[in-house]
Amino acid sequence: MVGRNCSSETSQTHRITDDEANKSRVIDSPVIYYSFIAASHAIGFWGVIAVLAFKYNWR
């Protein structure tokens, strides 16, 4: 079994800076999130309505 050297001098860990921690992605915005939810519901609703309008035996 080979021993591992875990000293702090050879460690290459990535430290998160304040700039990286404060960056916000567009998808994290509540406006984008709620817009996506509303659009999904609208597409689902109108998809069901369209099927009911065009398929006579499903009415």
PDB file of N, CA and C in Angstrom:
ATOM      1  N   MET A   1       0.843  -1.172   0.000  1.00  0.00           N
ATOM      2  CA  MET A   1       0.000   0.000   0.000  1.00  0.00           C
ATOM      3  C   MET A   1       0.890   1.237   0.000  1.00  0.00           C
ATOM      4  N   VAL A   2       0.563   2.176  -0.877  1.00  0.00           N
ATOM      5  CA  VAL A   2       1.366   3.374  -1.014  1.00  0.00           C
ATOM      6  C   VAL A   2       0.791   4.469  -0.121  1.00  0.00           C
ATOM      7  N   GLY A   3       1.666   5.096   0.657  1.00  0.00           N
ATOM      8  CA  GLY A   3       1.218   6.176   1.536  1.00  0.00           C
ATOM      9  C   GLY A   3       0.963   7.454   0.741  1.00  0.00           C
ATOM     10  N   ARG A   4       0.086   8.265   1.240  1.00  0.00           N
ATOM     11  CA  ARG A   4      -0.242   9.522   0.571  1.00  0.00           C
ATOM     12  C   ARG A   4       0.309  10.691   1.386  1.00  0.00           C
ATOM     13  N   ASN A   5       0.785  11.686   0.683  1.00  0.00           N
ATOM     14  CA  ASN A   5       1.285  12.887   1.329  1.00  0.00           C
ATOM     15  C   ASN A   5       0.189  13.934   1.294  1.00  0.00           C
ATOM     16  N   CYS A   6      -0.372  14.258   2.433  1.00  0.00           N
ATOM     17  CA  CYS A   6      -1.490  15.191   2.505  1.00  0.00           C
ATOM     18  C   CYS A   6      -1.093  16.493   3.178  1.00  0.00           C
ATOM     19  N   SER A   7       0.140  16.895   3.024  1.00  0.00           N
ATOM     20  CA  SER A   7       0.561  18.140   3.669  1.00  0.00           C
ATOM     21  C   SER A   7      -0.079  19.336   2.974  1.00  0.00           C
ATOM     22  N   SER A   8      -0.200  20.421   3.694  1.00  0.00           N
ATOM     23  CA  SER A   8      -0.854  21.605   3.147  1.00  0.00           C
ATOM     24  C   SER A   8       0.018  22.308   2.111  1.00  0.00           C
ATOM     25  N   GLU A   9       1.302  22.052   2.097  1.00  0.00           N
ATOM     26  CA  GLU A   9       2.203  22.698   1.141  1.00  0.00           C
ATOM     27  C   GLU A   9       1.948  22.208  -0.289  1.00  0.00           C
ATOM     28  N   THR A  10       1.565  20.968  -0.466  1.00  0.00           N
ATOM     29  CA  THR A  10       1.370  20.419  -1.809  1.00  0.00           C
ATOM     30  C   THR A  10      -0.092  20.408  -2.230  1.00  0.00           C
ATOM     31  N   SER A  11      -0.952  20.914  -1.374  1.00  0.00           N
ATOM     32  CA  SER A  11      -2.373  20.904  -1.676  1.00  0.00           C
ATOM     33  C   SER A  11      -2.689  21.928  -2.765  1.00  0.00           C
ATOM     34  N   GLN A  12      -3.479  21.525  -3.755  1.00  0.00           N
ATOM     35  CA  GLN A  12      -3.845  22.376  -4.878  1.00  0.00           C
ATOM     36  C   GLN A  12      -5.348  22.638  -4.866  1.00  0.00           C
ATOM     37  N   THR A  13      -5.904  22.928  -3.707  1.00  0.00           N
ATOM     38  CA  THR A  13      -7.345  23.144  -3.611  1.00  0.00           C
ATOM     39  C   THR A  13      -7.723  24.477  -4.223  1.00  0.00           C
ATOM     40  N   HIS A  14      -8.919  24.542  -4.748  1.00  0.00           N
ATOM     41  CA  HIS A  14      -9.439  25.767  -5.351  1.00  0.00           C
ATOM     42  C   HIS A  14     -10.229  26.515  -4.297  1.00  0.00           C
ATOM     43  N   ARG A  15      -9.800  27.693  -3.984  1.00  0.00           N
ATOM     44  CA  ARG A  15     -10.502  28.508  -2.996  1.00  0.00           C
ATOM     45  C   ARG A  15     -11.442  29.453  -3.725  1.00  0.00           C
ATOM     46  N   ILE A  16     -12.670  29.535  -3.220  1.00  0.00           N
ATOM     47  CA  ILE A  16     -13.671  30.393  -3.825  1.00  0.00           C
ATOM     48  C   ILE A  16     -13.436  31.825  -3.363  1.00  0.00           C
ATOM     49  N   THR A  17     -13.287  32.731  -4.315  1.00  0.00           N
ATOM     50  CA  THR A  17     -13.084  34.131  -3.988  1.00  0.00           C
ATOM     51  C   THR A  17     -14.432  34.809  -3.813  1.00  0.00           C
ATOM     52  N   ASP A  18     -14.405  36.026  -3.300  1.00  0.00           N
ATOM     53  CA  ASP A  18     -15.646  36.779  -3.095  1.00  0.00           C
ATOM     54  C   ASP A  18     -16.349  37.052  -4.422  1.00  0.00           C
ATOM     55  N   ASP A  19     -15.577  37.318  -5.482  1.00  0.00           N
ATOM     56  CA  ASP A  19     -16.179  37.572  -6.789  1.00  0.00           C
ATOM     57  C   ASP A  19     -16.924  36.347  -7.304  1.00  0.00           C
ATOM     58  N   GLU A  20     -16.348  35.170  -7.138  1.00  0.00           N
ATOM     59  CA  GLU A  20     -16.998  33.940  -7.596  1.00  0.00           C
ATOM     60  C   GLU A  20     -18.228  33.626  -6.756  1.00  0.00           C
ATOM     61  N   ALA A  21     -18.176  33.905  -5.474  1.00  0.00           N
ATOM     62  CA  ALA A  21     -19.301  33.619  -4.589  1.00  0.00           C
ATOM     63  C   ALA A  21     -20.468  34.561  -4.860  1.00  0.00           C
ATOM     64  N   ASN A  22     -20.196  35.778  -5.296  1.00  0.00           N
ATOM     65  CA  ASN A  22     -21.244  36.764  -5.523  1.00  0.00           C
ATOM     66  C   ASN A  22     -21.820  36.722  -6.929  1.00  0.00           C
ATOM     67  N   LYS A  23     -21.221  35.959  -7.826  1.00  0.00           N
ATOM     68  CA  LYS A  23     -21.738  35.875  -9.191  1.00  0.00           C
ATOM     69  C   LYS A  23     -23.099  35.192  -9.169  1.00  0.00           C
ATOM     70  N   SER A  24     -23.989  35.733  -9.933  1.00  0.00           N
ATOM     71  CA  SER A  24     -25.335  35.188 -10.007  1.00  0.00           C
ATOM     72  C   SER A  24     -25.600  34.753 -11.434  1.00  0.00           C
ATOM     73  N   ARG A  25     -26.115  33.558 -11.592  1.00  0.00           N
ATOM     74  CA  ARG A  25     -26.476  33.092 -12.916  1.00  0.00           C
ATOM     75  C   ARG A  25     -27.855  33.626 -13.267  1.00  0.00           C
ATOM     76  N   VAL A  26     -28.142  33.728 -14.558  1.00  0.00           N
ATOM     77  CA  VAL A  26     -29.429  34.249 -15.012  1.00  0.00           C
ATOM     78  C   VAL A  26     -30.558  33.334 -14.553  1.00  0.00           C
ATOM     79  N   ILE A  27     -30.355  32.033 -14.578  1.00  0.00           N
ATOM     80  CA  ILE A  27     -31.406  31.078 -14.221  1.00  0.00           C
ATOM     81  C   ILE A  27     -31.739  31.154 -12.732  1.00  0.00           C
ATOM     82  N   ASP A  28     -30.858  31.727 -11.925  1.00  0.00           N
ATOM     83  CA  ASP A  28     -31.116  31.849 -10.490  1.00  0.00           C
ATOM     84  C   ASP A  28     -32.084  32.975 -10.164  1.00  0.00           C
ATOM     85  N   SER A  29     -32.399  33.797 -11.137  1.00  0.00           N
ATOM     86  CA  SER A  29     -33.298  34.926 -10.923  1.00  0.00           C
ATOM     87  C   SER A  29     -34.727  34.429 -10.699  1.00  0.00           C
ATOM     88  N   PRO A  30     -35.423  34.945  -9.691  1.00  0.00           N
ATOM     89  CA  PRO A  30     -36.809  34.510  -9.455  1.00  0.00           C
ATOM     90  C   PRO A  30     -37.738  34.845 -10.612  1.00  0.00           C
ATOM     91  N   VAL A  31     -37.470  35.947 -11.325  1.00  0.00           N
ATOM     92  CA  VAL A  31     -38.316  36.330 -12.455  1.00  0.00           C
ATOM     93  C   VAL A  31     -38.240  35.274 -13.551  1.00  0.00           C
ATOM     94  N   ILE A  32     -37.053  34.802 -13.850  1.00  0.00           N
ATOM     95  CA  ILE A  32     -36.875  33.764 -14.869  1.00  0.00           C
ATOM     96  C   ILE A  32     -37.541  32.472 -14.414  1.00  0.00           C
ATOM     97  N   TYR A  33     -37.379  32.122 -13.161  1.00  0.00           N
ATOM     98  CA  TYR A  33     -37.956  30.894 -12.616  1.00  0.00           C
ATOM     99  C   TYR A  33     -39.482  30.903 -12.730  1.00  0.00           C
ATOM    100  N   TYR A  34     -40.109  31.983 -12.252  1.00  0.00           N
ATOM    101  CA  TYR A  34     -41.569  32.044 -12.288  1.00  0.00           C
ATOM    102  C   TYR A  34     -42.099  32.177 -13.711  1.00  0.00           C
ATOM    103  N   SER A  35     -41.342  32.817 -14.584  1.00  0.00           N
ATOM    104  CA  SER A  35     -41.740  32.895 -15.994  1.00  0.00           C
ATOM    105  C   SER A  35     -41.734  31.508 -16.623  1.00  0.00           C
ATOM    106  N   PHE A  36     -40.728  30.708 -16.311  1.00  0.00           N
ATOM    107  CA  PHE A  36     -40.651  29.344 -16.826  1.00  0.00           C
ATOM    108  C   PHE A  36     -41.823  28.516 -16.312  1.00  0.00           C
ATOM    109  N   ILE A  37     -42.158  28.649 -15.042  1.00  0.00           N
ATOM    110  CA  ILE A  37     -43.281  27.903 -14.465  1.00  0.00           C
ATOM    111  C   ILE A  37     -44.586  28.308 -15.135  1.00  0.00           C
ATOM    112  N   ALA A  38     -44.809  29.610 -15.324  1.00  0.00           N
ATOM    113  CA  ALA A  38     -46.040  30.095 -15.955  1.00  0.00           C
ATOM    114  C   ALA A  38     -46.135  29.626 -17.408  1.00  0.00           C
ATOM    115  N   ALA A  39     -45.024  29.697 -18.136  1.00  0.00           N
ATOM    116  CA  ALA A  39     -45.028  29.250 -19.533  1.00  0.00           C
ATOM    117  C   ALA A  39     -45.295  27.751 -19.628  1.00  0.00           C
ATOM    118  N   SER A  40     -44.738  26.980 -18.724  1.00  0.00           N
ATOM    119  CA  SER A  40     -44.966  25.530 -18.733  1.00  0.00           C
ATOM    120  C   SER A  40     -46.433  25.200 -18.481  1.00  0.00           C
ATOM    121  N   HIS A  41     -47.041  25.868 -17.538  1.00  0.00           N
ATOM    122  CA  HIS A  41     -48.457  25.637 -17.258  1.00  0.00           C
ATOM    123  C   HIS A  41     -49.334  26.054 -18.437  1.00  0.00           C
ATOM    124  N   ALA A  42     -49.005  27.178 -19.065  1.00  0.00           N
ATOM    125  CA  ALA A  42     -49.781  27.647 -20.210  1.00  0.00           C
ATOM    126  C   ALA A  42     -49.683  26.671 -21.380  1.00  0.00           C
ATOM    127  N   ILE A  43     -48.484  26.169 -21.650  1.00  0.00           N
ATOM    128  CA  ILE A  43     -48.308  25.203 -22.741  1.00  0.00           C
ATOM    129  C   ILE A  43     -49.073  23.923 -22.445  1.00  0.00           C
ATOM    130  N   GLY A  44     -49.008  23.448 -21.216  1.00  0.00           N
ATOM    131  CA  GLY A  44     -49.749  22.242 -20.840  1.00  0.00           C
ATOM    132  C   GLY A  44     -51.246  22.430 -20.940  1.00  0.00           C
ATOM    133  N   PHE A  45     -51.745  23.548 -20.456  1.00  0.00           N
ATOM    134  CA  PHE A  45     -53.175  23.825 -20.493  1.00  0.00           C
ATOM    135  C   PHE A  45     -53.673  23.906 -21.930  1.00  0.00           C
ATOM    136  N   TRP A  46     -53.008  24.719 -22.752  1.00  0.00           N
ATOM    137  CA  TRP A  46     -53.456  24.882 -24.137  1.00  0.00           C
ATOM    138  C   TRP A  46     -53.224  23.626 -24.957  1.00  0.00           C
ATOM    139  N   GLY A  47     -52.258  22.793 -24.563  1.00  0.00           N
ATOM    140  CA  GLY A  47     -52.077  21.507 -25.237  1.00  0.00           C
ATOM    141  C   GLY A  47     -53.268  20.591 -25.011  1.00  0.00           C
ATOM    142  N   VAL A  48     -53.779  20.552 -23.800  1.00  0.00           N
ATOM    143  CA  VAL A  48     -54.958  19.731 -23.492  1.00  0.00           C
ATOM    144  C   VAL A  48     -56.193  20.303 -24.194  1.00  0.00           C
ATOM    145  N   ILE A  49     -56.345  21.613 -24.163  1.00  0.00           N
ATOM    146  CA  ILE A  49     -57.488  22.244 -24.829  1.00  0.00           C
ATOM    147  C   ILE A  49     -57.455  21.974 -26.335  1.00  0.00           C
ATOM    148  N   ALA A  50     -56.287  22.029 -26.944  1.00  0.00           N
ATOM    149  CA  ALA A  50     -56.170  21.773 -28.384  1.00  0.00           C
ATOM    150  C   ALA A  50     -56.559  20.342 -28.719  1.00  0.00           C
ATOM    151  N   VAL A  51     -56.139  19.390 -27.902  1.00  0.00           N
ATOM    152  CA  VAL A  51     -56.506  17.991 -28.148  1.00  0.00           C
ATOM    153  C   VAL A  51     -58.013  17.818 -28.023  1.00  0.00           C
ATOM    154  N   LEU A  52     -58.601  18.428 -27.005  1.00  0.00           N
ATOM    155  CA  LEU A  52     -60.050  18.313 -26.826  1.00  0.00           C
ATOM    156  C   LEU A  52     -60.818  19.004 -27.957  1.00  0.00           C
ATOM    157  N   ALA A  53     -60.267  20.055 -28.514  1.00  0.00           N
ATOM    158  CA  ALA A  53     -60.948  20.774 -29.590  1.00  0.00           C
ATOM    159  C   ALA A  53     -60.919  19.996 -30.907  1.00  0.00           C
ATOM    160  N   PHE A  54     -59.840  19.260 -31.145  1.00  0.00           N
ATOM    161  CA  PHE A  54     -59.687  18.597 -32.441  1.00  0.00           C
ATOM    162  C   PHE A  54     -60.027  17.112 -32.438  1.00  0.00           C
ATOM    163  N   LYS A  55     -60.022  16.477 -31.293  1.00  0.00           N
ATOM    164  CA  LYS A  55     -60.379  15.052 -31.227  1.00  0.00           C
ATOM    165  C   LYS A  55     -61.822  14.932 -30.737  1.00  0.00           C
ATOM    166  N   TYR A  56     -62.697  14.609 -31.652  1.00  0.00           N
ATOM    167  CA  TYR A  56     -64.120  14.585 -31.348  1.00  0.00           C
ATOM    168  C   TYR A  56     -64.465  13.542 -30.287  1.00  0.00           C
ATOM    169  N   ASN A  57     -63.872  12.352 -30.367  1.00  0.00           N
ATOM    170  CA  ASN A  57     -64.265  11.291 -29.437  1.00  0.00           C
ATOM    171  C   ASN A  57     -63.651  11.470 -28.030  1.00  0.00           C
ATOM    172  N   TRP A  58     -62.806  12.446 -27.799  1.00  0.00           N
ATOM    173  CA  TRP A  58     -62.276  12.726 -26.457  1.00  0.00           C
ATOM    174  C   TRP A  58     -63.107  13.775 -25.731  1.00  0.00           C
ATOM    175  N   ARG A  59     -64.039  14.414 -26.416  1.00  0.00           N
ATOM    176  CA  ARG A  59     -64.829  15.487 -25.797  1.00  0.00           C
ATOM    177  C   ARG A  59     -65.767  14.958 -24.756  1.00  0.00           C
TER     178      ARG A  59
END
